[in-house]
Protein backbone atom coordinates (compact mmCIF):
# COMPACT_ATOMS: atom_id res chain seq x y z
CA MET A 1 33.55 -44.11 9.84
CA VAL A 2 35.05 -41.23 7.90
CA ARG A 3 33.47 -40.97 4.47
CA GLN A 4 34.58 -38.53 1.81
CA SER A 5 32.23 -36.03 0.27
CA SER A 6 32.28 -35.21 -3.42
CA SER A 7 34.93 -32.60 -2.69
CA GLY A 8 37.11 -35.12 -0.92
CA THR A 9 36.64 -33.64 2.55
CA PRO A 10 35.28 -35.55 5.54
CA GLU A 11 31.53 -35.28 5.94
CA GLN A 12 31.79 -35.80 9.68
CA SER A 13 34.54 -35.31 12.20
CA ALA A 14 37.04 -38.11 12.56
CA GLN A 15 36.31 -38.24 16.28
CA ASP A 16 32.81 -39.50 15.46
CA ALA A 17 34.16 -42.50 13.54
CA PRO A 18 34.08 -45.95 15.12
CA LEU A 19 37.35 -46.87 16.77
CA ALA A 20 37.57 -50.09 14.75
CA ASP A 21 38.15 -48.00 11.61
CA ILE A 22 41.35 -46.44 12.93
CA LEU A 23 43.63 -48.38 10.57
CA THR A 24 41.54 -47.33 7.56
CA ARG A 25 41.84 -43.71 8.65
CA VAL A 26 45.60 -43.97 9.18
CA ARG A 27 46.12 -45.52 5.73
CA ALA A 28 43.97 -42.84 4.11
CA ALA A 29 45.83 -40.03 5.89
CA ARG A 30 49.33 -41.44 5.41
CA PRO A 31 50.16 -39.95 1.96
CA SER A 32 49.49 -36.39 3.14
CA LEU A 33 51.34 -36.65 6.47
CA ALA A 34 54.63 -34.93 7.22
CA PRO A 35 57.63 -37.34 7.07
CA SER A 36 57.93 -37.61 10.85
CA GLU A 37 54.20 -38.28 11.27
CA ARG A 38 54.35 -40.79 8.42
CA ARG A 39 56.90 -42.80 10.38
CA VAL A 40 54.42 -42.91 13.26
CA ALA A 41 51.74 -44.09 10.85
CA ASP A 42 54.04 -46.83 9.52
CA ALA A 43 54.77 -48.02 13.06
CA VAL A 44 51.04 -48.11 13.82
CA LEU A 45 50.15 -49.99 10.65
CA ALA A 46 52.98 -52.50 11.04
CA ALA A 47 51.92 -53.67 14.51
CA PRO A 48 48.74 -52.01 15.86
CA GLY A 49 48.41 -54.48 18.73
CA GLN A 50 51.96 -53.83 19.92
CA VAL A 51 51.64 -50.06 19.60
CA ALA A 52 48.47 -50.18 21.72
CA GLU A 53 50.67 -51.32 24.62
CA LEU A 54 53.39 -48.67 24.19
CA SER A 55 53.75 -45.38 26.01
CA ILE A 56 53.78 -42.24 23.91
CA ASN A 57 57.55 -41.92 24.42
CA ALA A 58 58.10 -45.54 23.40
CA LEU A 59 56.13 -45.05 20.19
CA GLY A 60 58.12 -41.90 19.48
CA GLU A 61 61.35 -43.87 19.84
CA ARG A 62 60.06 -46.68 17.63
CA ALA A 63 59.17 -44.15 14.93
CA ASP A 64 62.45 -42.25 15.38
CA THR A 65 60.62 -39.08 16.37
CA SER A 66 59.31 -37.23 19.43
CA ALA A 67 56.31 -37.56 21.71
CA ALA A 68 55.15 -34.16 20.43
CA THR A 69 55.05 -35.55 16.88
CA VAL A 70 53.00 -38.51 18.08
CA MET A 71 50.52 -36.08 19.59
CA ARG A 72 50.33 -34.14 16.31
CA PHE A 73 49.72 -37.44 14.55
CA CYS A 74 46.83 -38.19 16.94
CA ARG A 75 45.22 -34.85 16.20
CA THR A 76 45.75 -35.22 12.46
CA ILE A 77 43.92 -38.55 12.27
CA GLY A 78 41.22 -37.37 14.65
CA THR A 79 41.81 -39.40 17.81
CA GLY A 80 42.50 -36.24 19.79
CA ASN A 81 44.96 -37.69 22.29
CA TYR A 82 47.27 -40.64 22.73
CA PRO A 83 45.13 -42.68 25.16
CA GLN A 84 42.31 -42.56 22.62
CA LEU A 85 44.68 -43.75 19.91
CA ARG A 86 45.78 -46.69 22.08
CA LEU A 87 42.16 -47.60 22.74
CA ALA A 88 41.35 -47.46 19.04
CA LEU A 89 44.35 -49.62 18.15
CA ALA A 90 43.49 -52.17 20.82
CA ALA A 91 39.95 -52.38 19.40
CA ALA A 92 41.29 -52.76 15.86
CA ALA A 93 43.71 -55.50 16.93
CA ALA A 94 40.91 -57.33 18.75
CA ARG A 95 38.73 -57.09 15.65
CA GLU A 96 41.51 -58.52 13.46
CA HIS A 97 41.98 -61.38 15.90
CA ALA A 98 38.25 -62.14 16.04
CA LEU A 99 38.07 -62.24 12.23
CA GLY A 100 41.09 -64.50 12.00
CA GLY A 101 42.97 -61.82 10.17
CA GLU A 102 46.04 -61.32 12.31
CA PRO A 103 49.08 -60.02 10.42
CA PRO A 104 51.70 -62.59 9.42
CA GLU A 105 54.34 -63.32 12.02
CA HIS A 106 57.81 -61.87 12.31
CA GLY A 107 57.83 -58.22 11.40
CA GLY A 108 54.43 -57.26 10.07
CA THR A 109 53.31 -57.35 6.47
CA ASP A 110 56.25 -55.89 4.51
CA ILE A 111 58.36 -58.31 2.48
CA SER A 112 61.79 -58.85 4.04
CA PRO A 113 64.97 -60.35 2.52
CA THR A 114 64.69 -63.40 4.80
CA ASP A 115 61.04 -64.25 4.17
CA THR A 116 60.34 -67.78 2.98
CA LEU A 117 58.08 -68.24 -0.03
CA ASP A 118 55.18 -69.45 2.10
CA ARG A 119 55.52 -66.36 4.33
CA ILE A 120 55.57 -64.12 1.24
CA VAL A 121 52.34 -65.74 0.07
CA GLY A 122 50.78 -65.21 3.49
CA LYS A 123 51.75 -61.54 3.59
CA ILE A 124 50.51 -60.84 0.06
CA ILE A 125 47.16 -62.50 0.65
CA TYR A 126 46.78 -60.76 4.01
CA ASN A 127 47.47 -57.33 2.47
CA GLU A 128 45.06 -57.90 -0.39
CA VAL A 129 42.23 -59.11 1.84
CA ARG A 130 42.75 -56.13 4.15
CA ALA A 131 42.76 -53.75 1.18
CA LEU A 132 39.41 -55.08 -0.01
CA GLU A 133 37.83 -54.95 3.44
CA ASP A 134 39.18 -51.49 4.25
CA SER A 135 38.22 -50.12 0.83
CA GLY A 136 34.70 -51.43 1.26
CA ALA A 137 34.45 -49.91 4.73
CA GLY A 138 35.74 -46.52 3.60
CA LEU A 139 33.90 -46.21 0.28
CA ASP A 140 31.50 -43.27 0.18
CA ILE A 141 28.23 -44.91 -0.87
CA GLU A 142 26.62 -41.55 -1.61
CA ALA A 143 29.46 -40.60 -3.96
CA LEU A 144 29.29 -44.05 -5.56
CA GLY A 145 25.57 -43.65 -6.14
CA ARG A 146 26.08 -40.26 -7.76
CA ALA A 147 28.85 -41.74 -9.93
CA VAL A 148 26.47 -44.50 -11.03
CA ASP A 149 23.88 -41.86 -11.93
CA VAL A 150 26.20 -39.77 -14.08
CA VAL A 151 27.85 -42.74 -15.82
CA ALA A 152 24.47 -44.35 -16.53
CA GLY A 153 23.23 -41.11 -18.10
CA ALA A 154 26.43 -40.05 -19.88
CA ARG A 155 26.71 -39.50 -23.60
CA ARG A 156 30.22 -40.95 -23.38
CA VAL A 157 32.69 -41.95 -20.67
CA ASP A 158 36.40 -41.24 -21.10
CA ILE A 159 38.76 -43.04 -18.72
CA PHE A 160 42.30 -41.85 -17.96
CA GLY A 161 45.04 -43.92 -16.37
CA VAL A 162 48.69 -44.80 -16.93
CA GLY A 163 50.85 -47.71 -15.84
CA ALA A 164 49.09 -50.13 -13.49
CA SER A 165 46.08 -47.80 -13.32
CA ALA A 166 45.62 -48.17 -17.08
CA PHE A 167 44.82 -51.86 -16.57
CA VAL A 168 42.03 -50.88 -14.19
CA GLY A 169 40.77 -48.34 -16.72
CA GLN A 170 40.79 -50.99 -19.44
CA ASP A 171 38.70 -53.25 -17.24
CA LEU A 172 36.07 -50.56 -16.73
CA HIS A 173 36.12 -49.70 -20.43
CA GLN A 174 35.53 -53.32 -21.41
CA LYS A 175 32.72 -53.72 -18.89
CA LEU A 176 30.90 -50.59 -20.03
CA HIS A 177 31.40 -51.44 -23.68
CA ARG A 178 29.86 -54.89 -23.15
CA ILE A 179 26.57 -53.35 -22.03
CA GLY A 180 26.45 -50.91 -24.90
CA ARG A 181 27.86 -47.82 -23.18
CA MET A 182 30.11 -45.54 -25.21
CA ALA A 183 33.41 -45.64 -23.34
CA PHE A 184 37.06 -44.97 -24.17
CA ILE A 185 40.32 -45.63 -22.31
CA TRP A 186 43.31 -43.33 -22.74
CA SER A 187 46.72 -44.28 -21.32
CA ASP A 188 48.79 -41.82 -23.36
CA ARG A 189 48.95 -38.28 -22.00
CA HIS A 190 48.63 -36.50 -25.33
CA ALA A 191 45.78 -38.74 -26.48
CA ALA A 192 44.03 -38.20 -23.14
CA LEU A 193 44.34 -34.41 -23.42
CA THR A 194 43.02 -34.56 -26.99
CA ALA A 195 40.04 -36.63 -25.88
CA ALA A 196 39.36 -34.33 -22.93
CA ALA A 197 39.23 -31.32 -25.25
CA LEU A 198 36.23 -32.86 -27.03
CA LEU A 199 34.18 -33.48 -23.88
CA GLY A 200 31.40 -31.28 -22.57
CA PRO A 201 28.31 -31.22 -20.37
CA GLY A 202 26.64 -34.61 -20.32
CA ASP A 203 29.98 -36.43 -20.65
CA VAL A 204 31.94 -38.14 -17.88
CA ALA A 205 35.70 -38.26 -17.37
CA LEU A 206 36.99 -40.82 -14.86
CA ALA A 207 40.65 -40.87 -13.82
CA VAL A 208 42.41 -43.71 -12.00
CA SER A 209 45.56 -43.07 -9.96
CA HIS A 210 46.62 -44.73 -6.71
CA SER A 211 48.64 -41.72 -5.56
CA GLY A 212 46.39 -39.13 -7.16
CA GLU A 213 49.46 -37.13 -8.13
CA THR A 214 50.31 -38.55 -11.58
CA GLU A 215 50.34 -35.56 -13.92
CA ASP A 216 49.54 -37.76 -16.92
CA THR A 217 46.20 -38.38 -15.21
CA THR A 218 45.50 -35.18 -13.29
CA GLU A 219 45.96 -32.89 -16.32
CA PRO A 220 43.44 -34.65 -18.60
CA LEU A 221 40.89 -34.73 -15.79
CA GLN A 222 41.37 -31.01 -15.21
CA ALA A 223 41.00 -30.38 -18.94
CA ALA A 224 37.76 -32.39 -18.98
CA ALA A 225 36.44 -30.37 -16.04
CA GLU A 226 37.22 -27.12 -17.86
CA ARG A 227 35.11 -28.35 -20.78
CA GLY A 228 32.13 -28.97 -18.48
CA ALA A 229 32.31 -32.75 -18.18
CA THR A 230 31.50 -34.42 -14.86
CA THR A 231 34.74 -35.70 -13.36
CA ILE A 232 35.30 -38.76 -11.16
CA ALA A 233 38.53 -39.64 -9.35
CA LEU A 234 39.40 -43.18 -8.25
CA THR A 235 42.36 -42.88 -5.89
CA ASN A 236 43.84 -44.05 -2.62
CA ASP A 237 44.43 -40.49 -1.37
CA PRO A 238 41.31 -38.36 -0.84
CA GLY A 239 43.52 -35.32 -0.27
CA SER A 240 45.45 -35.68 -3.53
CA THR A 241 45.49 -33.30 -6.48
CA LEU A 242 43.32 -35.70 -8.48
CA ALA A 243 40.70 -36.01 -5.74
CA THR A 244 40.48 -32.32 -4.85
CA GLY A 245 39.95 -31.42 -8.50
CA ALA A 246 37.17 -33.95 -9.15
CA ASP A 247 33.41 -33.63 -8.80
CA LEU A 248 33.13 -37.10 -7.28
CA VAL A 249 35.75 -39.12 -5.38
CA LEU A 250 35.84 -42.90 -5.02
CA THR A 251 38.58 -44.00 -2.64
CA THR A 252 40.43 -47.23 -2.07
CA CYS A 253 42.43 -48.08 1.02
CA ALA A 254 45.47 -50.12 0.03
CA ARG A 255 48.96 -49.82 1.43
CA GLU A 256 51.90 -49.94 -0.98
CA THR A 257 55.35 -51.00 0.17
CA PRO A 258 58.82 -50.47 -1.36
CA PHE A 259 58.75 -53.97 -2.90
CA ARG A 260 55.16 -53.62 -4.07
CA SER A 261 54.71 -50.05 -5.25
CA GLY A 262 51.89 -50.02 -7.81
CA ALA A 263 51.38 -53.67 -6.98
CA THR A 264 48.48 -56.07 -7.26
CA VAL A 265 47.07 -55.05 -3.88
CA SER A 266 46.34 -51.55 -5.20
CA ARG A 267 44.82 -52.80 -8.44
CA ILE A 268 42.63 -55.34 -6.66
CA ALA A 269 41.13 -52.60 -4.50
CA GLN A 270 40.60 -50.39 -7.55
CA LEU A 271 39.05 -53.26 -9.52
CA ALA A 272 36.63 -53.93 -6.68
CA VAL A 273 35.43 -50.31 -6.77
CA VAL A 274 35.18 -50.51 -10.57
CA ASP A 275 33.01 -53.62 -10.20
CA CYS A 276 30.72 -51.79 -7.78
CA LEU A 277 30.40 -48.88 -10.21
CA PHE A 278 29.77 -51.12 -13.21
CA VAL A 279 27.16 -53.30 -11.50
CA GLY A 280 25.36 -50.18 -10.32
CA VAL A 281 25.28 -48.83 -13.88
CA ALA A 282 24.20 -52.17 -15.37
CA GLN A 283 21.43 -52.49 -12.79
CA ARG A 284 19.86 -49.20 -13.92
CA SER A 285 18.95 -50.90 -17.24
CA TYR A 286 18.84 -54.46 -15.98
CA ASP A 287 17.08 -56.17 -18.90
CA ALA A 288 19.05 -54.36 -21.60
CA SER A 289 22.35 -54.96 -19.80
CA THR A 290 21.61 -58.64 -19.32
CA ALA A 291 20.72 -59.03 -22.99
CA ALA A 292 23.91 -57.22 -24.06
CA LEU A 293 26.08 -59.37 -21.81
CA GLU A 294 24.49 -62.52 -23.22
CA LYS A 295 25.08 -61.36 -26.80
CA THR A 296 28.72 -60.49 -26.22
CA TYR A 297 29.34 -63.73 -24.33
CA GLY A 298 27.71 -65.72 -27.13
CA ALA A 299 29.81 -63.97 -29.77
CA VAL A 300 33.00 -65.19 -28.08
CA GLN A 301 31.67 -68.65 -27.30
CA ARG A 302 30.88 -69.31 -30.97
CA ARG A 303 34.53 -68.72 -31.84
CA ARG A 304 35.82 -71.28 -29.36
CA ARG A 305 36.71 -74.80 -30.47
CA PRO A 306 34.42 -77.61 -29.32
CA ALA A 307 35.78 -79.55 -26.34
CA ALA A 308 36.20 -82.70 -28.45
CA ARG A 309 38.64 -80.94 -30.78
CA ARG A 310 40.89 -79.52 -28.08
CA GLY A 311 44.37 -80.91 -27.96
CA THR A 312 44.32 -82.16 -31.54
């Protein structure tokens, strides 16, 4: 398994990773691939079992590229050669079949104009389950542990995110706030830069961006780093600007499609990582966190109408 170090670089060679993790590696590498290699990646992800049976020339034709590009793709993702890629894809397809997680029929997992509503549901659920499993498999536990340490000991935690990523940031903010941690969420670029300017050693800045290239998020994180704060990136691309500029990198592994760019599948993977981070932080002060959660829950419960009065 390829895990990312705090600098976002692999801690071990991709060739050492189990073959069953090939799809996770392809998804992680996809954003940084050249366009021609990205088409190969898309063909692999759409139908790994079928690609495992193709010759290198046939895969090149399917991806509208050359056999030489397929070979470059193999080296980029660490399989070394095409036979090794086919073996890895066959193993991944067998694993999916054994787990009952075969891709929906008729054209992979992307939404097509002719899909029925039940097929759309099947594809969405399939993609979201895969995103959770792949993100769990690819998450760097050492980096997560270090993130838990710095957040648990931080004077304050400032969270940056815009668009769909802001919802994830709001979730983390609410969770930390409920256990008495000083946390802030900034979804406006100017407000985020202002907040970052006030950070320093002992503070934590955490930025959320699926692509890792959103300037509204990368700039505040960079500003926080310049002030001496510990920086954490939560992104789908370990080679992105956001990741390479952060002290710690927490990665997801979710594939976006044209119909579902910034979609629920990405947020679900991010929310799962946020939950792991939060629970780790809460566990460090278990009794105090439990008491705080009970107090905040009770405060809301007291404001709810009794069941007998509902509907009147």
